[in-house]
Amino acid sequence: MKATLSLSKLRVPVGGQEIELQQVDHESGGMSLLRTRIREKSRFTVFDIDPITARQWGEALLQWARAQPEE
């Protein structure tokens, strides 16, 4: 059995995809994972990543966003 905790829900303005981030904790313990659920109409993409990968991904997203002109 696993427990999930919803952390954030976003809607992409261009394309309308829904993104949900969840923390996944397994009953047996161990490392928490970050579940990313992307819904595009009736199709879902779901993947779980470890904290190190989440940090690297988040830093890459921030680096890209900071390089973009502000609107």
PDB file of N, CA and C in Angstrom:
ATOM      1  N   MET A   1       0.843  -1.182   0.000  1.00  0.00           N
ATOM      2  CA  MET A   1       0.000   0.000   0.000  1.00  0.00           C
ATOM      3  C   MET A   1       0.886   1.243   0.000  1.00  0.00           C
ATOM      4  N   LYS A   2       0.448   2.263  -0.677  1.00  0.00           N
ATOM      5  CA  LYS A   2       1.206   3.509  -0.695  1.00  0.00           C
ATOM      6  C   LYS A   2       0.291   4.680  -0.406  1.00  0.00           C
ATOM      7  N   ALA A   3       0.867   5.746   0.136  1.00  0.00           N
ATOM      8  CA  ALA A   3       0.113   6.969   0.427  1.00  0.00           C
ATOM      9  C   ALA A   3       0.578   8.046  -0.531  1.00  0.00           C
ATOM     10  N   THR A   4      -0.376   8.818  -1.047  1.00  0.00           N
ATOM     11  CA  THR A   4      -0.024   9.933  -1.923  1.00  0.00           C
ATOM     12  C   THR A   4      -0.546  11.226  -1.311  1.00  0.00           C
ATOM     13  N   LEU A   5       0.248  12.268  -1.450  1.00  0.00           N
ATOM     14  CA  LEU A   5      -0.096  13.590  -0.947  1.00  0.00           C
ATOM     15  C   LEU A   5       0.007  14.566  -2.109  1.00  0.00           C
ATOM     16  N   SER A   6      -1.085  15.229  -2.448  1.00  0.00           N
ATOM     17  CA  SER A   6      -1.071  16.199  -3.533  1.00  0.00           C
ATOM     18  C   SER A   6      -0.284  17.429  -3.094  1.00  0.00           C
ATOM     19  N   LEU A   7       0.702  17.835  -3.902  1.00  0.00           N
ATOM     20  CA  LEU A   7       1.558  18.971  -3.587  1.00  0.00           C
ATOM     21  C   LEU A   7       1.200  20.218  -4.383  1.00  0.00           C
ATOM     22  N   SER A   8       0.849  20.027  -5.652  1.00  0.00           N
ATOM     23  CA  SER A   8       0.582  21.172  -6.509  1.00  0.00           C
ATOM     24  C   SER A   8      -0.191  20.723  -7.737  1.00  0.00           C
ATOM     25  N   LYS A   9      -1.082  21.602  -8.210  1.00  0.00           N
ATOM     26  CA  LYS A   9      -1.803  21.361  -9.460  1.00  0.00           C
ATOM     27  C   LYS A   9      -1.668  22.602 -10.319  1.00  0.00           C
ATOM     28  N   LEU A  10      -1.315  22.392 -11.574  1.00  0.00           N
ATOM     29  CA  LEU A  10      -1.100  23.489 -12.511  1.00  0.00           C
ATOM     30  C   LEU A  10      -1.866  23.216 -13.796  1.00  0.00           C
ATOM     31  N   ARG A  11      -2.249  24.282 -14.470  1.00  0.00           N
ATOM     32  CA  ARG A  11      -2.839  24.150 -15.802  1.00  0.00           C
ATOM     33  C   ARG A  11      -1.980  24.974 -16.749  1.00  0.00           C
ATOM     34  N   VAL A  12      -1.538  24.343 -17.842  1.00  0.00           N
ATOM     35  CA  VAL A  12      -0.714  25.022 -18.838  1.00  0.00           C
ATOM     36  C   VAL A  12      -1.631  25.886 -19.701  1.00  0.00           C
ATOM     37  N   PRO A  13      -1.381  27.210 -19.759  1.00  0.00           N
ATOM     38  CA  PRO A  13      -2.285  28.078 -20.512  1.00  0.00           C
ATOM     39  C   PRO A  13      -2.303  27.786 -22.011  1.00  0.00           C
ATOM     40  N   VAL A  14      -1.182  27.416 -22.572  1.00  0.00           N
ATOM     41  CA  VAL A  14      -1.131  27.067 -24.000  1.00  0.00           C
ATOM     42  C   VAL A  14      -1.172  25.546 -24.078  1.00  0.00           C
ATOM     43  N   GLY A  15      -2.253  24.987 -24.567  1.00  0.00           N
ATOM     44  CA  GLY A  15      -2.384  23.533 -24.663  1.00  0.00           C
ATOM     45  C   GLY A  15      -3.357  22.944 -23.667  1.00  0.00           C
ATOM     46  N   GLY A  16      -3.520  23.587 -22.512  1.00  0.00           N
ATOM     47  CA  GLY A  16      -4.512  23.157 -21.538  1.00  0.00           C
ATOM     48  C   GLY A  16      -4.179  21.910 -20.743  1.00  0.00           C
ATOM     49  N   GLN A  17      -2.943  21.427 -20.792  1.00  0.00           N
ATOM     50  CA  GLN A  17      -2.593  20.241 -20.011  1.00  0.00           C
ATOM     51  C   GLN A  17      -2.708  20.546 -18.513  1.00  0.00           C
ATOM     52  N   GLU A  18      -3.056  19.505 -17.761  1.00  0.00           N
ATOM     53  CA  GLU A  18      -3.108  19.607 -16.304  1.00  0.00           C
ATOM     54  C   GLU A  18      -1.914  18.853 -15.744  1.00  0.00           C
ATOM     55  N   ILE A  19      -1.181  19.497 -14.850  1.00  0.00           N
ATOM     56  CA  ILE A  19      -0.011  18.877 -14.226  1.00  0.00           C
ATOM     57  C   ILE A  19      -0.277  18.799 -12.733  1.00  0.00           C
ATOM     58  N   GLU A  20      -0.101  17.614 -12.173  1.00  0.00           N
ATOM     59  CA  GLU A  20      -0.236  17.447 -10.728  1.00  0.00           C
ATOM     60  C   GLU A  20       1.034  16.812 -10.195  1.00  0.00           C
ATOM     61  N   LEU A  21       1.549  17.377  -9.103  1.00  0.00           N
ATOM     62  CA  LEU A  21       2.708  16.816  -8.419  1.00  0.00           C
ATOM     63  C   LEU A  21       2.231  16.208  -7.110  1.00  0.00           C
ATOM     64  N   GLN A  22       2.673  14.977  -6.846  1.00  0.00           N
ATOM     65  CA  GLN A  22       2.277  14.265  -5.630  1.00  0.00           C
ATOM     66  C   GLN A  22       3.511  13.660  -4.982  1.00  0.00           C
ATOM     67  N   GLN A  23       3.500  13.596  -3.658  1.00  0.00           N
ATOM     68  CA  GLN A  23       4.519  12.833  -2.940  1.00  0.00           C
ATOM     69  C   GLN A  23       3.980  11.428  -2.743  1.00  0.00           C
ATOM     70  N   VAL A  24       4.796  10.440  -3.057  1.00  0.00           N
ATOM     71  CA  VAL A  24       4.399   9.043  -2.911  1.00  0.00           C
ATOM     72  C   VAL A  24       5.274   8.404  -1.836  1.00  0.00           C
ATOM     73  N   ASP A  25       4.618   7.877  -0.795  1.00  0.00           N
ATOM     74  CA  ASP A  25       5.305   7.184   0.292  1.00  0.00           C
ATOM     75  C   ASP A  25       4.781   5.762   0.358  1.00  0.00           C
ATOM     76  N   HIS A  26       5.686   4.800   0.293  1.00  0.00           N
ATOM     77  CA  HIS A  26       5.292   3.395   0.383  1.00  0.00           C
ATOM     78  C   HIS A  26       5.192   2.989   1.846  1.00  0.00           C
ATOM     79  N   GLU A  27       4.230   2.151   2.144  1.00  0.00           N
ATOM     80  CA  GLU A  27       3.979   1.719   3.512  1.00  0.00           C
ATOM     81  C   GLU A  27       5.213   1.078   4.143  1.00  0.00           C
ATOM     82  N   SER A  28       5.994   0.377   3.331  1.00  0.00           N
ATOM     83  CA  SER A  28       7.178  -0.318   3.850  1.00  0.00           C
ATOM     84  C   SER A  28       8.332   0.634   4.151  1.00  0.00           C
ATOM     85  N   GLY A  29       8.160   1.920   3.850  1.00  0.00           N
ATOM     86  CA  GLY A  29       9.206   2.899   4.134  1.00  0.00           C
ATOM     87  C   GLY A  29      10.103   3.120   2.930  1.00  0.00           C
ATOM     88  N   GLY A  30      11.259   3.695   3.193  1.00  0.00           N
ATOM     89  CA  GLY A  30      12.193   3.995   2.116  1.00  0.00           C
ATOM     90  C   GLY A  30      12.027   5.421   1.639  1.00  0.00           C
ATOM     91  N   MET A  31      12.604   5.683   0.496  1.00  0.00           N
ATOM     92  CA  MET A  31      12.631   7.033  -0.053  1.00  0.00           C
ATOM     93  C   MET A  31      11.267   7.453  -0.581  1.00  0.00           C
ATOM     94  N   SER A  32      10.900   8.714  -0.311  1.00  0.00           N
ATOM     95  CA  SER A  32       9.703   9.286  -0.924  1.00  0.00           C
ATOM     96  C   SER A  32      10.018   9.597  -2.383  1.00  0.00           C
ATOM     97  N   LEU A  33       9.019   9.483  -3.238  1.00  0.00           N
ATOM     98  CA  LEU A  33       9.176   9.798  -4.654  1.00  0.00           C
ATOM     99  C   LEU A  33       8.247  10.936  -5.025  1.00  0.00           C
ATOM    100  N   LEU A  34       8.626  11.667  -6.054  1.00  0.00           N
ATOM    101  CA  LEU A  34       7.782  12.722  -6.588  1.00  0.00           C
ATOM    102  C   LEU A  34       7.082  12.173  -7.820  1.00  0.00           C
ATOM    103  N   ARG A  35       5.767  12.093  -7.749  1.00  0.00           N
ATOM    104  CA  ARG A  35       4.974  11.615  -8.885  1.00  0.00           C
ATOM    105  C   ARG A  35       4.518  12.827  -9.687  1.00  0.00           C
ATOM    106  N   THR A  36       4.763  12.777 -10.978  1.00  0.00           N
ATOM    107  CA  THR A  36       4.314  13.819 -11.897  1.00  0.00           C
ATOM    108  C   THR A  36       3.241  13.211 -12.783  1.00  0.00           C
ATOM    109  N   ARG A  37       2.042  13.791 -12.734  1.00  0.00           N
ATOM    110  CA  ARG A  37       0.920  13.321 -13.563  1.00  0.00           C
ATOM    111  C   ARG A  37       0.566  14.436 -14.535  1.00  0.00           C
ATOM    112  N   ILE A  38       0.650  14.131 -15.811  1.00  0.00           N
ATOM    113  CA  ILE A  38       0.291  15.111 -16.841  1.00  0.00           C
ATOM    114  C   ILE A  38      -0.918  14.561 -17.586  1.00  0.00           C
ATOM    115  N   ARG A  39      -1.987  15.338 -17.583  1.00  0.00           N
ATOM    116  CA  ARG A  39      -3.204  14.933 -18.283  1.00  0.00           C
ATOM    117  C   ARG A  39      -3.377  15.819 -19.504  1.00  0.00           C
ATOM    118  N   GLU A  40      -3.523  15.185 -20.642  1.00  0.00           N
ATOM    119  CA  GLU A  40      -3.763  15.887 -21.895  1.00  0.00           C
ATOM    120  C   GLU A  40      -4.991  15.246 -22.519  1.00  0.00           C
ATOM    121  N   LYS A  41      -6.129  15.934 -22.372  1.00  0.00           N
ATOM    122  CA  LYS A  41      -7.443  15.405 -22.758  1.00  0.00           C
ATOM    123  C   LYS A  41      -7.679  14.102 -22.023  1.00  0.00           C
ATOM    124  N   SER A  42      -7.766  12.958 -22.685  1.00  0.00           N
ATOM    125  CA  SER A  42      -8.031  11.690 -21.993  1.00  0.00           C
ATOM    126  C   SER A  42      -6.765  10.871 -21.762  1.00  0.00           C
ATOM    127  N   ARG A  43      -5.620  11.402 -22.149  1.00  0.00           N
ATOM    128  CA  ARG A  43      -4.359  10.664 -22.012  1.00  0.00           C
ATOM    129  C   ARG A  43      -3.594  11.146 -20.783  1.00  0.00           C
ATOM    130  N   PHE A  44      -3.026  10.211 -20.029  1.00  0.00           N
ATOM    131  CA  PHE A  44      -2.226  10.517 -18.856  1.00  0.00           C
ATOM    132  C   PHE A  44      -0.800  10.044 -19.063  1.00  0.00           C
ATOM    133  N   THR A  45       0.144  10.844 -18.599  1.00  0.00           N
ATOM    134  CA  THR A  45       1.535  10.427 -18.487  1.00  0.00           C
ATOM    135  C   THR A  45       1.876  10.529 -17.013  1.00  0.00           C
ATOM    136  N   VAL A  46       2.371   9.444 -16.432  1.00  0.00           N
ATOM    137  CA  VAL A  46       2.679   9.411 -15.000  1.00  0.00           C
ATOM    138  C   VAL A  46       4.075   8.833 -14.826  1.00  0.00           C
ATOM    139  N   PHE A  47       4.899   9.527 -14.050  1.00  0.00           N
ATOM    140  CA  PHE A  47       6.193   8.953 -13.720  1.00  0.00           C
ATOM    141  C   PHE A  47       6.619   9.410 -12.338  1.00  0.00           C
ATOM    142  N   ASP A  48       7.414   8.574 -11.678  1.00  0.00           N
ATOM    143  CA  ASP A  48       7.904   8.836 -10.332  1.00  0.00           C
ATOM    144  C   ASP A  48       9.406   9.071 -10.405  1.00  0.00           C
ATOM    145  N   ILE A  49       9.876  10.108  -9.703  1.00  0.00           N
ATOM    146  CA  ILE A  49      11.305  10.391  -9.700  1.00  0.00           C
ATOM    147  C   ILE A  49      11.814  10.548  -8.273  1.00  0.00           C
ATOM    148  N   ASP A  50      13.087  10.291  -8.110  1.00  0.00           N
ATOM    149  CA  ASP A  50      13.760  10.371  -6.824  1.00  0.00           C
ATOM    150  C   ASP A  50      14.129  11.825  -6.511  1.00  0.00           C
ATOM    151  N   PRO A  51      14.487  12.123  -5.258  1.00  0.00           N
ATOM    152  CA  PRO A  51      14.810  13.498  -4.881  1.00  0.00           C
ATOM    153  C   PRO A  51      15.974  14.118  -5.667  1.00  0.00           C
ATOM    154  N   ILE A  52      16.999  13.353  -5.982  1.00  0.00           N
ATOM    155  CA  ILE A  52      18.141  13.906  -6.712  1.00  0.00           C
ATOM    156  C   ILE A  52      17.721  14.332  -8.114  1.00  0.00           C
ATOM    157  N   THR A  53      16.974  13.476  -8.800  1.00  0.00           N
ATOM    158  CA  THR A  53      16.492  13.811 -10.141  1.00  0.00           C
ATOM    159  C   THR A  53      15.541  15.001 -10.081  1.00  0.00           C
ATOM    160  N   ALA A  54      14.669  15.054  -9.069  1.00  0.00           N
ATOM    161  CA  ALA A  54      13.734  16.173  -8.923  1.00  0.00           C
ATOM    162  C   ALA A  54      14.493  17.489  -8.755  1.00  0.00           C
ATOM    163  N   ARG A  55      15.560  17.469  -7.964  1.00  0.00           N
ATOM    164  CA  ARG A  55      16.356  18.680  -7.758  1.00  0.00           C
ATOM    165  C   ARG A  55      17.018  19.129  -9.057  1.00  0.00           C
ATOM    166  N   GLN A  56      17.597  18.189  -9.795  1.00  0.00           N
ATOM    167  CA  GLN A  56      18.248  18.525 -11.064  1.00  0.00           C
ATOM    168  C   GLN A  56      17.241  19.068 -12.075  1.00  0.00           C
ATOM    169  N   TRP A  57      16.092  18.441 -12.146  1.00  0.00           N
ATOM    170  CA  TRP A  57      15.044  18.868 -13.074  1.00  0.00           C
ATOM    171  C   TRP A  57      14.543  20.265 -12.701  1.00  0.00           C
ATOM    172  N   GLY A  58      14.285  20.462 -11.401  1.00  0.00           N
ATOM    173  CA  GLY A  58      13.815  21.755 -10.931  1.00  0.00           C
ATOM    174  C   GLY A  58      14.819  22.868 -11.209  1.00  0.00           C
ATOM    175  N   GLU A  59      16.096  22.603 -10.996  1.00  0.00           N
ATOM    176  CA  GLU A  59      17.121  23.602 -11.271  1.00  0.00           C
ATOM    177  C   GLU A  59      17.198  23.916 -12.761  1.00  0.00           C
ATOM    178  N   ALA A  60      17.063  22.903 -13.604  1.00  0.00           N
ATOM    179  CA  ALA A  60      17.074  23.135 -15.051  1.00  0.00           C
ATOM    180  C   ALA A  60      15.868  23.982 -15.471  1.00  0.00           C
ATOM    181  N   LEU A  61      14.692  23.719 -14.891  1.00  0.00           N
ATOM    182  CA  LEU A  61      13.505  24.509 -15.192  1.00  0.00           C
ATOM    183  C   LEU A  61      13.695  25.968 -14.763  1.00  0.00           C
ATOM    184  N   LEU A  62      14.233  26.169 -13.566  1.00  0.00           N
ATOM    185  CA  LEU A  62      14.461  27.532 -13.077  1.00  0.00           C
ATOM    186  C   LEU A  62      15.486  28.271 -13.928  1.00  0.00           C
ATOM    187  N   GLN A  63      16.548  27.583 -14.310  1.00  0.00           N
ATOM    188  CA  GLN A  63      17.575  28.209 -15.143  1.00  0.00           C
ATOM    189  C   GLN A  63      16.969  28.672 -16.470  1.00  0.00           C
ATOM    190  N   TRP A  64      16.156  27.832 -17.077  1.00  0.00           N
ATOM    191  CA  TRP A  64      15.508  28.200 -18.346  1.00  0.00           C
ATOM    192  C   TRP A  64      14.553  29.381 -18.137  1.00  0.00           C
ATOM    193  N   ALA A  65      13.722  29.296 -17.090  1.00  0.00           N
ATOM    194  CA  ALA A  65      12.725  30.345 -16.846  1.00  0.00           C
ATOM    195  C   ALA A  65      13.385  31.698 -16.582  1.00  0.00           C
ATOM    196  N   ARG A  66      14.481  31.689 -15.851  1.00  0.00           N
ATOM    197  CA  ARG A  66      15.176  32.947 -15.536  1.00  0.00           C
ATOM    198  C   ARG A  66      15.804  33.578 -16.784  1.00  0.00           C
ATOM    199  N   ALA A  67      16.129  32.770 -17.775  1.00  0.00           N
ATOM    200  CA  ALA A  67      16.748  33.276 -19.015  1.00  0.00           C
ATOM    201  C   ALA A  67      15.724  33.867 -19.983  1.00  0.00           C
ATOM    202  N   GLN A  68      14.428  33.673 -19.674  1.00  0.00           N
ATOM    203  CA  GLN A  68      13.370  34.172 -20.573  1.00  0.00           C
ATOM    204  C   GLN A  68      13.016  35.609 -20.219  1.00  0.00           C
ATOM    205  N   PRO A  69      12.628  36.415 -21.225  1.00  0.00           N
ATOM    206  CA  PRO A  69      12.201  37.782 -20.928  1.00  0.00           C
ATOM    207  C   PRO A  69      10.921  37.781 -20.096  1.00  0.00           C
ATOM    208  N   GLU A  70      10.827  38.717 -19.161  1.00  0.00           N
ATOM    209  CA  GLU A  70       9.621  38.825 -18.340  1.00  0.00           C
ATOM    210  C   GLU A  70       8.526  39.527 -19.131  1.00  0.00           C
ATOM    211  N   GLU A  71       7.317  39.075 -18.923  1.00  0.00           N
ATOM    212  CA  GLU A  71       6.196  39.671 -19.642  1.00  0.00           C
ATOM    213  C   GLU A  71       5.467  40.668 -18.785  1.00  0.00           C
TER     214      GLU A  71
END
